[in-house]
Amino acid sequence: MSESAGQSIPRIPAPPRGLIGRLMRRSYERVGFSAILPLLPGFLAGAAGPITLALYFEMSGAEFLRILLAAEFGIWLPEFVVAGTIVHRRARPLTAWIADGGGQQALSAWRAGSTLPRDLFRHPAPYLLVAITALGFDFYAASQLDLPALGGGLVIFLGSIVQYSFWAVLRLFILEASLRPALEDLSAELPDGVNLEVPRMSLGWRLLVALPVMNLAAGTVLAGIFAQGEGTLGDFMLGVLGAVIVTLTISIWLIGFISDSVATSMRDLRAGARLIGEGAFDARVPVAASDETGELAQSFNQMAAGLTERERIREAFGTYLDRDVAEYILSEGFSEEGVQVDVSMLFCDVRDFTPFSRDADAKRVVAALNELFEVIVPLISRHGGHVDKFVGDGLLAVFGAPEPYPDHANRAMRAACEIARRVNGEGVPSGLRIGVGVNSGRVIAGSIGGAGRLNFSVIGDAVNVAARVEAATRQLDDDVLLTADTRDRLGDEFQLTSRGNQVLKGLDQPVELYAPSDVVLALPPERSREPATTAD
């Protein structure tokens, strides 16, 4: 049920969070989303370069401090300002949503928050700035360490690029983690069915970018540890190049297999979800992994099987019930409580059916009735009615419930006239003929039944009158009859002839009946809706 129906939409409970998740949630609950907090660790990452140099080259405390300050103020502070400006601008819809305590801009806020990490990661401004500022820092660091200006600066520059690449990847994940609490709250306010497609960065690319960079940084530091501060420029260059070679020849292949394994499972799930969204509920994805993605694929298949069963039930509803009523029962607005409504009833019955069923075999009887109803039921649906029930060789149709049509009487009469013209005028292969009675009035509509079996139906005297009016068509030899209650609700498009007051079985008072003229019955359906000038 929707919130508009008085019930809240069930949400999947948040899974237990790890340490980082708890810290991010606590920070978000206290200060909301800040464009600064996720970028502050960059100053710690900026210290990694001088520390790595200290592992390779012997330097005094003063030299280390000068190199550290040059890195922080020469590279990382300008980069912090540029990145912070980008984050602040891109996050404006999100920060506005947080400041307003929610609101109508939830979708734009969600899109801004979900694309922000990717947008910053792919923005060229921080990379260009670091490339320029790092060159100046690296030549300065080479001069402080008494290294050749050109060669030393360029080798240190290579290490700076590895270091900044590590920070760019790490910042991507830090931003995603810091934004997740806000996106969780935002998703609870998004309407069902909303299009959330955004430019994405695939899981496979994340792994192929992140893990090699981390291996490069770790390999460079590890080689520096073994150098114990007594290395040379050649040792530093070999440490960086060695990390690159190991990553390209060994690590990247393992990373590729892991990435392909996870990404393939995600692609299968995405393709399966797309098929489910298109209505192919028999879609299944292969369960080809023994990790969480395999469990997810199995859960997806179980969900798809459940949807298949639900669709089978829906199709059964459409077969054994009127399809419009089935959709209404499955909709969010359905209520099992009864309501009083003003409707029009159409009762249709086969004339001389008893001798026909006595002389014909069972298969021919059932085939003849199905052939007849194949003609009648679509005509009823076409005019906005639904079949309430089949009663032997007859049926009861209702116009105005569950869909409330103000012109339900006109709809019922159009359907009655078209049914009579199609069956009695043009004929059906079985040769059966019908009579149609129409009545309007107040009835009780709702789900009626027990022991777990319910049927949406209408009850009341007006329903019984419609059946009695149909019976009168045999006595008066009319194809269609209607009551004064229906006539009073009609527009002026029907030419009617009074049949006088008629005593109907089971009713205490006579009922005045009317018949549509032969002209109305002969009109094709597209012209039967044109207003006529002749009154009763």
Protein backbone atom coordinates (compact mmCIF):
# COMPACT_ATOMS: atom_id res chain seq x y z
CA MET A 1 0.00 0.00 0.00
CA SER A 2 1.14 3.51 -0.66
CA GLU A 3 1.46 6.24 1.88
CA SER A 4 -1.59 7.84 0.34
CA ALA A 5 -3.57 4.78 1.29
CA GLY A 6 -2.63 5.26 4.92
CA GLN A 7 0.32 2.90 5.13
CA SER A 8 3.99 3.59 4.74
CA ILE A 9 6.10 1.88 2.11
CA PRO A 10 8.20 -0.86 3.73
CA ARG A 11 11.91 -0.16 3.53
CA ILE A 12 14.75 -2.62 3.72
CA PRO A 13 16.37 -2.21 7.14
CA ALA A 14 19.90 -0.85 7.03
CA PRO A 15 22.51 -3.62 7.39
CA PRO A 16 24.93 -3.53 10.32
CA ARG A 17 27.57 -0.90 9.56
CA GLY A 18 31.29 -1.22 10.00
CA LEU A 19 33.49 1.28 11.81
CA ILE A 20 33.72 3.65 8.82
CA GLY A 21 29.98 3.44 8.20
CA ARG A 22 29.19 4.26 11.84
CA LEU A 23 31.60 7.20 11.81
CA MET A 24 30.13 8.59 8.59
CA ARG A 25 26.56 8.22 9.88
CA ARG A 26 27.45 9.95 13.16
CA SER A 27 29.22 12.78 11.33
CA TYR A 28 26.26 13.23 8.97
CA GLU A 29 23.74 13.31 11.81
CA ARG A 30 25.74 16.03 13.57
CA VAL A 31 26.86 18.34 10.77
CA GLY A 32 25.06 17.07 7.65
CA PHE A 33 27.19 16.84 4.53
CA SER A 34 30.27 19.07 4.46
CA ALA A 35 32.30 19.77 1.33
CA ILE A 36 35.42 20.14 3.50
CA LEU A 37 35.49 17.11 5.80
CA PRO A 38 35.98 14.41 3.11
CA LEU A 39 38.89 16.43 1.65
CA LEU A 40 40.84 17.03 4.87
CA PRO A 41 42.64 13.64 4.76
CA GLY A 42 44.38 14.99 1.67
CA PHE A 43 46.76 16.90 3.95
CA LEU A 44 47.70 13.59 5.60
CA ALA A 45 48.20 12.07 2.16
CA GLY A 46 50.38 15.08 1.32
CA ALA A 47 52.77 14.08 4.09
CA ALA A 48 53.27 10.66 2.49
CA GLY A 49 55.60 12.12 -0.17
CA PRO A 50 58.13 13.67 2.24
CA ILE A 51 57.93 10.57 4.45
CA THR A 52 58.68 8.32 1.45
CA LEU A 53 61.65 10.51 0.53
CA ALA A 54 62.86 10.23 4.12
CA LEU A 55 62.82 6.43 3.74
CA TYR A 56 65.17 6.63 0.75
CA PHE A 57 67.40 9.63 1.49
CA GLU A 58 69.13 10.71 4.63
CA MET A 59 67.91 14.18 5.69
CA SER A 60 67.95 16.32 8.78
CA GLY A 61 64.83 17.25 10.72
CA ALA A 62 64.99 20.80 9.34
CA GLU A 63 65.23 19.54 5.76
CA PHE A 64 62.28 17.20 6.32
CA LEU A 65 60.21 20.04 7.80
CA ARG A 66 60.97 22.35 4.88
CA ILE A 67 60.10 19.66 2.34
CA LEU A 68 56.90 18.83 4.27
CA LEU A 69 55.76 22.47 4.40
CA ALA A 70 56.59 22.94 0.72
CA ALA A 71 54.45 19.90 -0.14
CA GLU A 72 51.48 20.92 2.03
CA PHE A 73 51.37 24.60 1.05
CA GLY A 74 52.73 24.27 -2.47
CA ILE A 75 50.68 21.29 -3.68
CA TRP A 76 47.97 20.15 -1.29
CA LEU A 77 46.53 23.46 -0.11
CA PRO A 78 45.85 24.74 -3.66
CA GLU A 79 44.47 21.32 -4.61
CA PHE A 80 42.26 21.39 -1.50
CA VAL A 81 40.82 24.77 -2.52
CA VAL A 82 40.12 23.69 -6.10
CA ALA A 83 38.60 20.34 -5.13
CA GLY A 84 36.55 21.94 -2.34
CA THR A 85 35.14 24.49 -4.79
CA ILE A 86 34.10 21.72 -7.19
CA VAL A 87 32.47 19.69 -4.43
CA HIS A 88 30.69 22.74 -3.00
CA ARG A 89 29.19 23.69 -6.37
CA ARG A 90 28.16 20.19 -7.41
CA ALA A 91 26.63 19.45 -4.00
CA ARG A 92 24.35 22.51 -3.87
CA PRO A 93 21.09 20.58 -4.50
CA LEU A 94 22.08 18.13 -1.75
CA THR A 95 23.06 20.75 0.81
CA ALA A 96 19.86 22.69 0.01
CA TRP A 97 17.81 19.56 0.65
CA ILE A 98 19.58 18.99 3.98
CA ALA A 99 19.11 22.63 4.99
CA ASP A 100 15.37 22.47 4.19
CA GLY A 101 14.92 19.24 6.13
CA GLY A 102 13.74 17.41 3.00
CA GLY A 103 11.37 18.72 0.39
CA GLN A 104 10.40 18.58 -3.24
CA GLN A 105 13.96 18.62 -4.63
CA ALA A 106 14.78 15.12 -3.34
CA LEU A 107 15.40 13.72 -6.84
CA SER A 108 17.84 16.46 -7.90
CA ALA A 109 19.56 16.17 -4.50
CA TRP A 110 19.93 12.41 -4.94
CA ARG A 111 21.39 12.79 -8.41
CA ALA A 112 23.83 15.46 -7.23
CA GLY A 113 25.01 13.31 -4.33
CA SER A 114 25.29 10.09 -6.33
CA THR A 115 27.34 11.66 -9.15
CA LEU A 116 29.55 13.89 -7.02
CA PRO A 117 32.42 11.42 -6.30
CA ARG A 118 32.63 10.37 -9.95
CA ASP A 119 32.47 13.96 -11.18
CA LEU A 120 35.32 15.06 -8.91
CA PHE A 121 37.41 12.01 -9.79
CA ARG A 122 37.06 12.77 -13.51
CA HIS A 123 37.41 16.57 -13.28
CA PRO A 124 40.67 17.66 -14.97
CA ALA A 125 41.29 20.81 -12.89
CA PRO A 126 42.82 19.13 -9.79
CA TYR A 127 45.10 16.95 -11.92
CA LEU A 128 46.39 19.86 -14.00
CA LEU A 129 46.99 21.93 -10.88
CA VAL A 130 48.92 19.14 -9.15
CA ALA A 131 50.99 18.45 -12.28
CA ILE A 132 52.09 22.10 -12.34
CA THR A 133 52.67 22.59 -8.61
CA ALA A 134 54.35 19.20 -8.19
CA LEU A 135 57.04 20.10 -10.70
CA GLY A 136 58.05 23.13 -8.63
CA PHE A 137 57.98 21.11 -5.41
CA ASP A 138 60.00 18.26 -6.86
CA PHE A 139 62.81 20.48 -8.10
CA TYR A 140 62.83 22.18 -4.69
CA ALA A 141 62.99 18.80 -2.92
CA ALA A 142 65.86 17.70 -5.21
CA SER A 143 67.81 20.82 -4.33
CA GLN A 144 67.24 20.24 -0.58
CA LEU A 145 68.55 16.67 -0.91
CA ASP A 146 71.56 17.69 -3.05
CA LEU A 147 70.26 15.68 -5.98
CA PRO A 148 70.75 16.60 -9.66
CA ALA A 149 68.18 19.28 -10.39
CA LEU A 150 66.80 17.86 -13.63
CA GLY A 151 67.16 14.13 -13.06
CA GLY A 152 66.29 14.25 -9.36
CA GLY A 153 63.28 16.50 -9.93
CA LEU A 154 61.88 14.31 -12.68
CA VAL A 155 62.33 11.08 -10.69
CA ILE A 156 60.68 12.61 -7.62
CA PHE A 157 57.92 13.92 -9.91
CA LEU A 158 57.19 10.32 -10.95
CA GLY A 159 56.81 9.40 -7.30
CA SER A 160 54.54 12.42 -6.72
CA ILE A 161 52.23 11.26 -9.52
CA VAL A 162 51.95 7.82 -7.92
CA GLN A 163 51.25 9.44 -4.57
CA TYR A 164 48.54 11.78 -5.90
CA SER A 165 46.93 8.99 -7.90
CA PHE A 166 46.61 7.04 -4.68
CA TRP A 167 44.93 10.02 -2.99
CA ALA A 168 42.54 10.60 -5.92
CA VAL A 169 41.31 7.00 -5.70
CA LEU A 170 41.14 7.08 -1.91
CA ARG A 171 39.18 10.35 -2.02
CA LEU A 172 36.67 8.77 -4.39
CA PHE A 173 35.82 6.12 -1.80
CA ILE A 174 35.90 8.60 1.11
CA LEU A 175 33.39 10.83 -0.71
CA GLU A 176 31.13 7.87 -1.46
CA ALA A 177 31.22 6.75 2.17
CA SER A 178 30.50 10.26 3.48
CA LEU A 179 27.59 10.68 1.05
CA ARG A 180 25.99 7.31 1.70
CA PRO A 181 24.01 8.37 4.85
CA ALA A 182 22.47 11.30 2.95
CA LEU A 183 21.64 9.10 -0.05
CA GLU A 184 20.03 6.52 2.25
CA ASP A 185 17.75 9.20 3.70
CA LEU A 186 17.08 10.66 0.26
CA SER A 187 16.10 7.33 -1.27
CA ALA A 188 13.37 6.95 1.36
CA GLU A 189 11.69 10.09 -0.04
CA LEU A 190 11.94 9.21 -3.73
CA PRO A 191 8.69 8.03 -5.34
CA ASP A 192 8.48 4.47 -6.58
CA GLY A 193 9.28 4.01 -10.24
CA VAL A 194 11.32 7.19 -10.56
CA ASN A 195 14.13 7.05 -13.10
CA LEU A 196 17.42 7.07 -11.18
CA GLU A 197 19.72 6.47 -14.13
CA VAL A 198 22.92 8.46 -13.73
CA PRO A 199 26.31 8.27 -15.47
CA ARG A 200 28.10 5.59 -13.54
CA MET A 201 31.60 4.33 -12.88
CA SER A 202 31.48 0.56 -13.17
CA LEU A 203 32.74 -1.73 -10.45
CA GLY A 204 35.22 -3.30 -12.83
CA TRP A 205 36.87 0.04 -13.58
CA ARG A 206 36.95 0.90 -9.89
CA LEU A 207 38.93 -2.23 -9.15
CA LEU A 208 41.21 -1.86 -12.16
CA VAL A 209 42.02 1.73 -11.23
CA ALA A 210 42.12 1.52 -7.45
CA LEU A 211 44.06 -1.66 -6.74
CA PRO A 212 47.02 -1.09 -9.10
CA VAL A 213 47.50 2.45 -7.75
CA MET A 214 47.45 1.15 -4.19
CA ASN A 215 49.96 -1.55 -5.12
CA LEU A 216 52.23 1.05 -6.70
CA ALA A 217 52.15 3.24 -3.62
CA ALA A 218 52.66 0.29 -1.27
CA GLY A 219 55.53 -1.10 -3.37
CA THR A 220 57.32 2.27 -3.43
CA VAL A 221 57.05 2.62 0.35
CA LEU A 222 58.11 -0.98 0.93
CA ALA A 223 61.26 -0.50 -1.18
CA GLY A 224 62.06 2.65 0.82
CA ILE A 225 61.80 0.75 4.10
CA PHE A 226 64.47 -1.66 2.94
CA ALA A 227 66.65 1.26 1.82
CA GLN A 228 66.73 2.47 5.48
CA GLY A 229 67.46 6.08 4.51
CA GLU A 230 70.71 5.25 2.76
CA GLY A 231 69.40 4.94 -0.77
CA THR A 232 70.39 6.84 -3.84
CA LEU A 233 68.46 8.49 -6.61
CA GLY A 234 68.85 5.27 -8.58
CA ASP A 235 67.43 3.26 -5.67
CA PHE A 236 64.40 5.56 -5.51
CA MET A 237 63.86 5.26 -9.24
CA LEU A 238 64.26 1.48 -9.10
CA GLY A 239 61.78 1.33 -6.20
CA VAL A 240 59.14 3.19 -8.19
CA LEU A 241 59.82 1.28 -11.42
CA GLY A 242 59.94 -2.02 -9.55
CA ALA A 243 56.51 -1.35 -8.08
CA VAL A 244 55.22 -0.53 -11.56
CA ILE A 245 56.70 -3.71 -13.06
CA VAL A 246 55.35 -5.95 -10.29
CA THR A 247 51.92 -4.37 -10.62
CA LEU A 248 51.82 -4.78 -14.40
CA THR A 249 53.20 -8.33 -14.51
CA ILE A 250 51.63 -9.93 -11.44
CA SER A 251 49.07 -7.86 -9.52
CA ILE A 252 47.11 -6.50 -12.44
CA TRP A 253 46.31 -9.99 -13.73
CA LEU A 254 44.95 -11.07 -10.37
CA ILE A 255 43.05 -7.81 -10.13
CA GLY A 256 41.70 -8.40 -13.64
CA PHE A 257 40.36 -11.84 -12.69
CA ILE A 258 38.72 -10.48 -9.53
CA SER A 259 37.29 -7.52 -11.41
CA ASP A 260 35.95 -9.70 -14.21
CA SER A 261 34.40 -12.13 -11.74
CA VAL A 262 32.54 -9.45 -9.82
CA ALA A 263 31.69 -7.26 -12.81
CA THR A 264 30.35 -10.21 -14.82
CA SER A 265 27.97 -11.12 -12.02
CA MET A 266 26.85 -7.49 -11.79
CA ARG A 267 26.28 -7.34 -15.55
CA ASP A 268 24.18 -10.52 -15.38
CA LEU A 269 22.09 -9.04 -12.58
CA ARG A 270 21.68 -5.73 -14.40
CA ALA A 271 20.57 -7.50 -17.58
CA GLY A 272 18.17 -9.68 -15.58
CA ALA A 273 16.72 -6.65 -13.79
CA ARG A 274 16.19 -4.91 -17.15
CA LEU A 275 14.27 -7.94 -18.46
CA ILE A 276 12.16 -8.06 -15.31
CA GLY A 277 11.40 -4.37 -15.73
CA GLU A 278 10.23 -5.09 -19.29
CA GLY A 279 7.83 -7.74 -18.03
CA ALA A 280 9.89 -10.88 -18.77
CA PHE A 281 9.32 -12.42 -15.34
CA ASP A 282 10.74 -15.76 -16.46
CA ALA A 283 14.22 -14.20 -16.71
CA ARG A 284 16.88 -15.93 -14.62
CA VAL A 285 20.57 -15.17 -14.09
CA PRO A 286 23.30 -17.81 -13.84
CA VAL A 287 24.52 -18.68 -10.35
CA ALA A 288 28.19 -19.06 -11.26
CA ALA A 289 30.04 -17.67 -8.22
CA SER A 290 30.58 -19.04 -4.73
CA ASP A 291 30.78 -15.65 -2.99
CA GLU A 292 28.22 -12.96 -2.11
CA THR A 293 27.52 -12.30 -5.79
CA GLY A 294 26.44 -15.92 -6.14
CA GLU A 295 24.09 -15.52 -3.18
CA LEU A 296 22.78 -12.32 -4.74
CA ALA A 297 22.14 -14.13 -8.06
CA GLN A 298 20.27 -16.89 -6.22
CA SER A 299 18.18 -14.31 -4.34
CA PHE A 300 17.44 -12.56 -7.65
CA ASN A 301 16.17 -15.80 -9.16
CA GLN A 302 13.98 -16.43 -6.12
CA MET A 303 12.57 -12.93 -6.47
CA ALA A 304 11.92 -13.50 -10.17
CA ALA A 305 10.14 -16.76 -9.37
CA GLY A 306 7.94 -14.90 -6.90
CA LEU A 307 7.14 -12.28 -9.53
CA THR A 308 6.34 -15.04 -12.01
CA GLU A 309 3.88 -16.55 -9.55
CA ARG A 310 2.34 -13.14 -8.87
CA GLU A 311 1.95 -12.54 -12.60
CA ARG A 312 0.35 -15.98 -12.96
CA ILE A 313 -2.14 -15.00 -10.27
CA ARG A 314 -2.74 -11.69 -12.03
CA GLU A 315 -3.36 -13.54 -15.30
CA ALA A 316 -5.70 -15.92 -13.48
CA PHE A 317 -7.53 -12.92 -12.09
CA GLY A 318 -7.86 -11.65 -15.64
CA THR A 319 -9.20 -15.02 -16.78
CA TYR A 320 -11.64 -15.85 -13.99
CA LEU A 321 -12.49 -12.25 -13.09
CA ASP A 322 -12.94 -9.13 -15.12
CA ARG A 323 -9.43 -7.86 -15.90
CA ASP A 324 -10.21 -4.29 -14.85
CA VAL A 325 -11.49 -5.52 -11.49
CA ALA A 326 -8.41 -7.72 -11.10
CA GLU A 327 -6.17 -4.70 -11.68
CA TYR A 328 -8.24 -2.71 -9.21
CA ILE A 329 -7.97 -5.43 -6.55
CA LEU A 330 -4.19 -5.54 -7.04
CA SER A 331 -3.88 -1.75 -7.01
CA GLU A 332 -2.92 0.40 -4.06
CA GLY A 333 -6.35 2.02 -3.82
CA PHE A 334 -8.36 -1.17 -3.23
CA SER A 335 -10.30 -1.41 0.03
CA GLU A 336 -12.25 -4.46 1.18
CA GLU A 337 -14.79 -2.29 3.00
CA GLY A 338 -18.19 -1.92 1.33
CA VAL A 339 -19.36 1.44 -0.02
CA GLN A 340 -22.68 2.70 -1.35
CA VAL A 341 -22.46 3.80 -4.96
CA ASP A 342 -24.81 4.83 -7.74
CA VAL A 343 -24.38 2.44 -10.67
CA SER A 344 -26.15 0.90 -13.64
CA MET A 345 -26.59 -2.85 -14.00
CA LEU A 346 -26.89 -4.75 -17.24
CA PHE A 347 -28.37 -8.24 -17.03
CA CYS A 348 -28.10 -10.42 -20.10
CA ASP A 349 -29.61 -13.88 -20.57
CA VAL A 350 -30.02 -16.40 -23.40
CA ARG A 351 -33.54 -16.97 -24.66
CA ASP A 352 -34.84 -20.52 -24.99
CA PHE A 353 -31.67 -21.88 -23.51
CA THR A 354 -33.32 -24.78 -21.69
CA PRO A 355 -34.45 -26.64 -24.83
CA PHE A 356 -31.10 -25.89 -26.49
CA SER A 357 -29.11 -27.36 -23.61
CA ARG A 358 -31.45 -30.37 -23.45
CA ASP A 359 -31.01 -31.25 -27.11
CA ALA A 360 -27.27 -30.49 -27.45
CA ASP A 361 -24.33 -32.36 -25.94
CA ALA A 362 -22.24 -30.81 -23.14
CA LYS A 363 -19.32 -29.78 -25.37
CA ARG A 364 -21.61 -27.98 -27.79
CA VAL A 365 -23.42 -26.17 -24.96
CA VAL A 366 -20.17 -24.94 -23.36
CA ALA A 367 -18.70 -23.97 -26.75
CA ALA A 368 -21.84 -22.04 -27.68
CA LEU A 369 -21.85 -20.09 -24.41
CA ASN A 370 -18.13 -19.32 -24.67
CA GLU A 371 -18.65 -18.18 -28.26
CA LEU A 372 -21.47 -15.89 -27.13
CA PHE A 373 -19.55 -14.40 -24.21
CA GLU A 374 -16.51 -13.88 -26.43
CA VAL A 375 -18.69 -11.34 -28.21
CA ILE A 376 -20.48 -9.82 -25.20
CA VAL A 377 -17.68 -9.39 -22.64
CA PRO A 378 -15.38 -7.22 -24.82
CA LEU A 379 -18.33 -4.97 -25.66
CA ILE A 380 -19.02 -4.47 -21.96
CA SER A 381 -15.37 -3.64 -21.27
CA ARG A 382 -15.26 -1.32 -24.25
CA HIS A 383 -17.96 0.84 -22.68
CA GLY A 384 -16.31 0.92 -19.25
CA GLY A 385 -18.29 -1.84 -17.52
CA HIS A 386 -17.13 -5.03 -15.91
CA VAL A 387 -18.67 -8.47 -15.61
CA ASP A 388 -19.74 -8.93 -12.01
CA LYS A 389 -20.68 -12.58 -12.38
CA PHE A 390 -21.78 -15.25 -14.82
CA VAL A 391 -25.12 -16.81 -13.87
CA GLY A 392 -25.51 -19.98 -15.90
CA ASP A 393 -26.34 -18.81 -19.42
CA GLY A 394 -26.48 -15.15 -18.35
CA LEU A 395 -24.27 -12.50 -16.87
CA LEU A 396 -24.48 -9.41 -14.70
CA ALA A 397 -22.39 -6.39 -15.69
CA VAL A 398 -21.87 -3.24 -13.63
CA PHE A 399 -21.12 0.28 -14.85
CA GLY A 400 -19.86 2.82 -12.31
CA ALA A 401 -18.01 0.54 -9.87
CA PRO A 402 -15.23 0.05 -9.02
CA GLU A 403 -14.46 2.87 -11.50
CA PRO A 404 -16.86 5.74 -10.70
CA TYR A 405 -18.28 6.98 -14.03
CA PRO A 406 -20.79 9.87 -13.80
CA ASP A 407 -22.31 8.72 -17.13
CA HIS A 408 -22.67 5.08 -16.09
CA ALA A 409 -26.28 4.91 -17.35
CA ASN A 410 -25.26 6.08 -20.84
CA ARG A 411 -22.43 3.57 -20.88
CA ALA A 412 -24.73 0.72 -19.85
CA MET A 413 -27.30 1.61 -22.52
CA ARG A 414 -24.68 1.92 -25.25
CA ALA A 415 -23.34 -1.49 -24.31
CA ALA A 416 -26.85 -3.01 -24.17
CA CYS A 417 -27.79 -1.67 -27.60
CA GLU A 418 -24.51 -2.79 -29.17
CA ILE A 419 -24.79 -6.27 -27.64
CA ALA A 420 -28.35 -6.65 -28.95
CA ARG A 421 -27.35 -5.41 -32.39
CA ARG A 422 -24.28 -7.66 -32.55
CA VAL A 423 -25.93 -10.86 -31.24
CA ASN A 424 -29.57 -10.62 -32.30
CA GLY A 425 -29.09 -8.41 -35.36
CA GLU A 426 -25.94 -9.76 -36.96
CA GLY A 427 -26.11 -13.16 -35.28
CA VAL A 428 -23.51 -15.50 -33.84
CA PRO A 429 -22.54 -18.93 -35.26
CA SER A 430 -24.37 -20.78 -32.48
CA GLY A 431 -27.61 -19.01 -33.34
CA LEU A 432 -28.31 -18.04 -29.72
CA ARG A 433 -30.36 -14.92 -28.99
CA ILE A 434 -30.35 -12.80 -25.88
CA GLY A 435 -32.41 -10.35 -23.91
CA VAL A 436 -30.88 -7.42 -22.04
CA GLY A 437 -32.29 -5.58 -19.04
CA VAL A 438 -30.81 -2.35 -17.63
CA ASN A 439 -31.52 -0.72 -14.27
CA SER A 440 -29.81 2.02 -12.24
CA GLY A 441 -29.75 2.79 -8.55
CA ARG A 442 -27.87 2.75 -5.26
CA VAL A 443 -26.12 -0.51 -4.39
CA ILE A 444 -23.49 -1.74 -1.95
CA ALA A 445 -20.17 -2.53 -3.64
CA GLY A 446 -17.33 -4.36 -1.94
CA SER A 447 -15.50 -7.63 -1.36
CA ILE A 448 -17.99 -10.31 -0.39
CA GLY A 449 -17.14 -13.85 0.66
CA GLY A 450 -15.52 -15.84 3.41
CA ALA A 451 -13.04 -18.57 4.31
CA GLY A 452 -10.31 -16.75 2.41
CA ARG A 453 -12.35 -16.43 -0.81
CA LEU A 454 -13.64 -13.00 -1.80
CA ASN A 455 -15.35 -11.56 -4.84
CA PHE A 456 -15.83 -7.92 -5.71
CA SER A 457 -19.57 -7.61 -6.26
CA VAL A 458 -22.63 -5.39 -5.91
CA ILE A 459 -25.74 -6.22 -3.91
CA GLY A 460 -29.09 -4.53 -3.43
CA ASP A 461 -32.65 -4.33 -4.79
CA ALA A 462 -31.42 -2.51 -7.90
CA VAL A 463 -29.50 -5.63 -8.92
CA ASN A 464 -32.54 -7.87 -8.60
CA VAL A 465 -34.63 -5.41 -10.61
CA ALA A 466 -32.17 -5.61 -13.53
CA ALA A 467 -32.65 -9.40 -13.66
CA ARG A 468 -36.44 -9.00 -13.58
CA VAL A 469 -36.30 -6.41 -16.38
CA GLU A 470 -34.38 -8.86 -18.56
CA ALA A 471 -37.06 -11.49 -17.92
CA ALA A 472 -39.66 -9.02 -19.16
CA THR A 473 -37.97 -8.88 -22.58
CA ARG A 474 -39.46 -12.33 -23.26
CA GLN A 475 -42.96 -11.17 -22.46
CA LEU A 476 -42.77 -7.91 -24.40
CA ASP A 477 -40.60 -9.32 -27.23
CA ASP A 478 -37.98 -6.55 -26.91
CA ASP A 479 -34.26 -7.09 -27.19
CA VAL A 480 -33.45 -4.37 -24.64
CA LEU A 481 -35.55 -2.94 -21.81
CA LEU A 482 -34.66 -0.34 -19.19
CA THR A 483 -36.32 1.15 -16.14
CA ALA A 484 -37.41 4.72 -15.46
CA ASP A 485 -34.48 4.99 -13.01
CA THR A 486 -32.09 4.42 -15.87
CA ARG A 487 -34.04 6.70 -18.23
CA ASP A 488 -33.79 9.57 -15.70
CA ARG A 489 -30.00 9.27 -15.71
CA LEU A 490 -29.60 9.16 -19.50
CA GLY A 491 -28.61 11.95 -21.79
CA ASP A 492 -30.67 12.85 -24.83
CA GLU A 493 -28.91 10.56 -27.27
CA PHE A 494 -31.41 7.66 -26.97
CA GLN A 495 -34.86 7.40 -28.57
CA LEU A 496 -37.02 5.50 -26.12
CA THR A 497 -40.52 4.10 -26.26
CA SER A 498 -42.53 3.46 -23.10
CA ARG A 499 -43.81 -0.08 -22.56
CA GLY A 500 -46.00 1.02 -19.70
CA ASN A 501 -46.09 -0.20 -16.12
CA GLN A 502 -45.16 -3.85 -15.86
CA VAL A 503 -45.58 -6.21 -12.94
CA LEU A 504 -42.24 -7.88 -12.36
CA LYS A 505 -41.80 -11.08 -10.40
CA GLY A 506 -40.85 -10.50 -6.77
CA LEU A 507 -41.65 -6.76 -6.80
CA ASP A 508 -44.60 -5.25 -4.96
CA GLN A 509 -45.12 -2.27 -7.26
CA PRO A 510 -45.32 -2.18 -11.06
CA VAL A 511 -42.26 -0.75 -12.83
CA GLU A 512 -42.44 1.41 -15.92
CA LEU A 513 -40.21 0.02 -18.64
CA TYR A 514 -38.81 1.55 -21.80
CA ALA A 515 -37.34 0.13 -24.98
CA PRO A 516 -34.84 1.81 -27.29
CA SER A 517 -36.14 2.42 -30.78
CA ASP A 518 -35.19 0.18 -33.67
CA VAL A 519 -33.22 3.12 -35.08
CA VAL A 520 -30.97 3.20 -32.02
CA LEU A 521 -30.48 -0.57 -32.08
CA ALA A 522 -29.53 -0.45 -35.75
CA LEU A 523 -26.93 2.29 -35.39
CA PRO A 524 -23.28 1.24 -35.59
CA PRO A 525 -21.40 1.72 -32.29
CA GLU A 526 -19.58 4.88 -33.38
CA ARG A 527 -22.95 6.57 -34.18
CA SER A 528 -24.91 5.22 -31.25
CA ARG A 529 -23.28 7.93 -29.13
CA GLU A 530 -24.69 10.79 -31.20
CA PRO A 531 -27.52 12.68 -29.46
CA ALA A 532 -31.03 12.20 -30.82
CA THR A 533 -33.77 14.79 -30.77
CA THR A 534 -36.78 12.51 -30.20
CA ALA A 535 -37.80 12.17 -26.56
CA ASP A 536 -39.83 9.40 -25.04
